[in-house]
Amino acid sequence: MPDAADRIHAAVPRLAACQTRGELGEAIAEELKRYSLFDLQVIGGGMKKEVDPLPEPYRSRARPYFEEQLFGAYHRAMKAYRSGSFRGMDEAIPDRERFERFVALVPDGCLKKEPETDFGLGGALNTLFYYLVTGYAMFVEGGPGHPVGTPFPGGFAVERRGKRYLCPIRDKEEDVPFSICNVCPAEQMEGV
């Protein structure tokens, strides 16, 4: 059985080779289907452990969006995979340069042993899950990494205005090298 590093180093070039949204959706879903129910429970427990210390009322407002970010995207990807929806998605992956930056950050984001690389999910493969579902949301669905409505401290939230996504923290994560914010299609919200 391959270890986490082998699995990650096999998955990343496969994702990078994808040219269309459908190819990428299928590749992501094939990686996601390798996670067992137990793995998903561990990831959910890690998320809970990260969210529980947040102060109220922020914790109660944010929790459903963090759950949606991980498990909503997971379920949408698996549903599309099982229904064959990816076969009809022959449009090129949007913003190839941004996609390539995303794929390049995944190996170190999963495998480096630094505080900002684990996201509290409990290990390299669980961090890979995080990148897979956010990559799905951004590059297959064309949305932001954090779901629309995700609240952030200060009373601001991710918004959609027409075809644009606005985020209150988009440009504030530049110092965190493995943050999805650095490759997210959302724009920085003005005045925040």
Foldseek 3Di string as FASTA:
>chain_A
DDDLLVVLVVLLVCLLPDWWLLSNLLSLLVLLVVQDPVLVVLQVVLVCVVLVVDDPPLSVQQVVQVCCLQPVLNVVSNVCNVVVVSVPGGHTFPPSVLVVLLSVLLSCLLPPPDPLSPSSSPHSSSSVSLSSSLCNCCGNVNAWSGDFSRDDPPGDTWHDDPSAIEGQCLPVCVVRSNDCSPSTRHDYDPPD
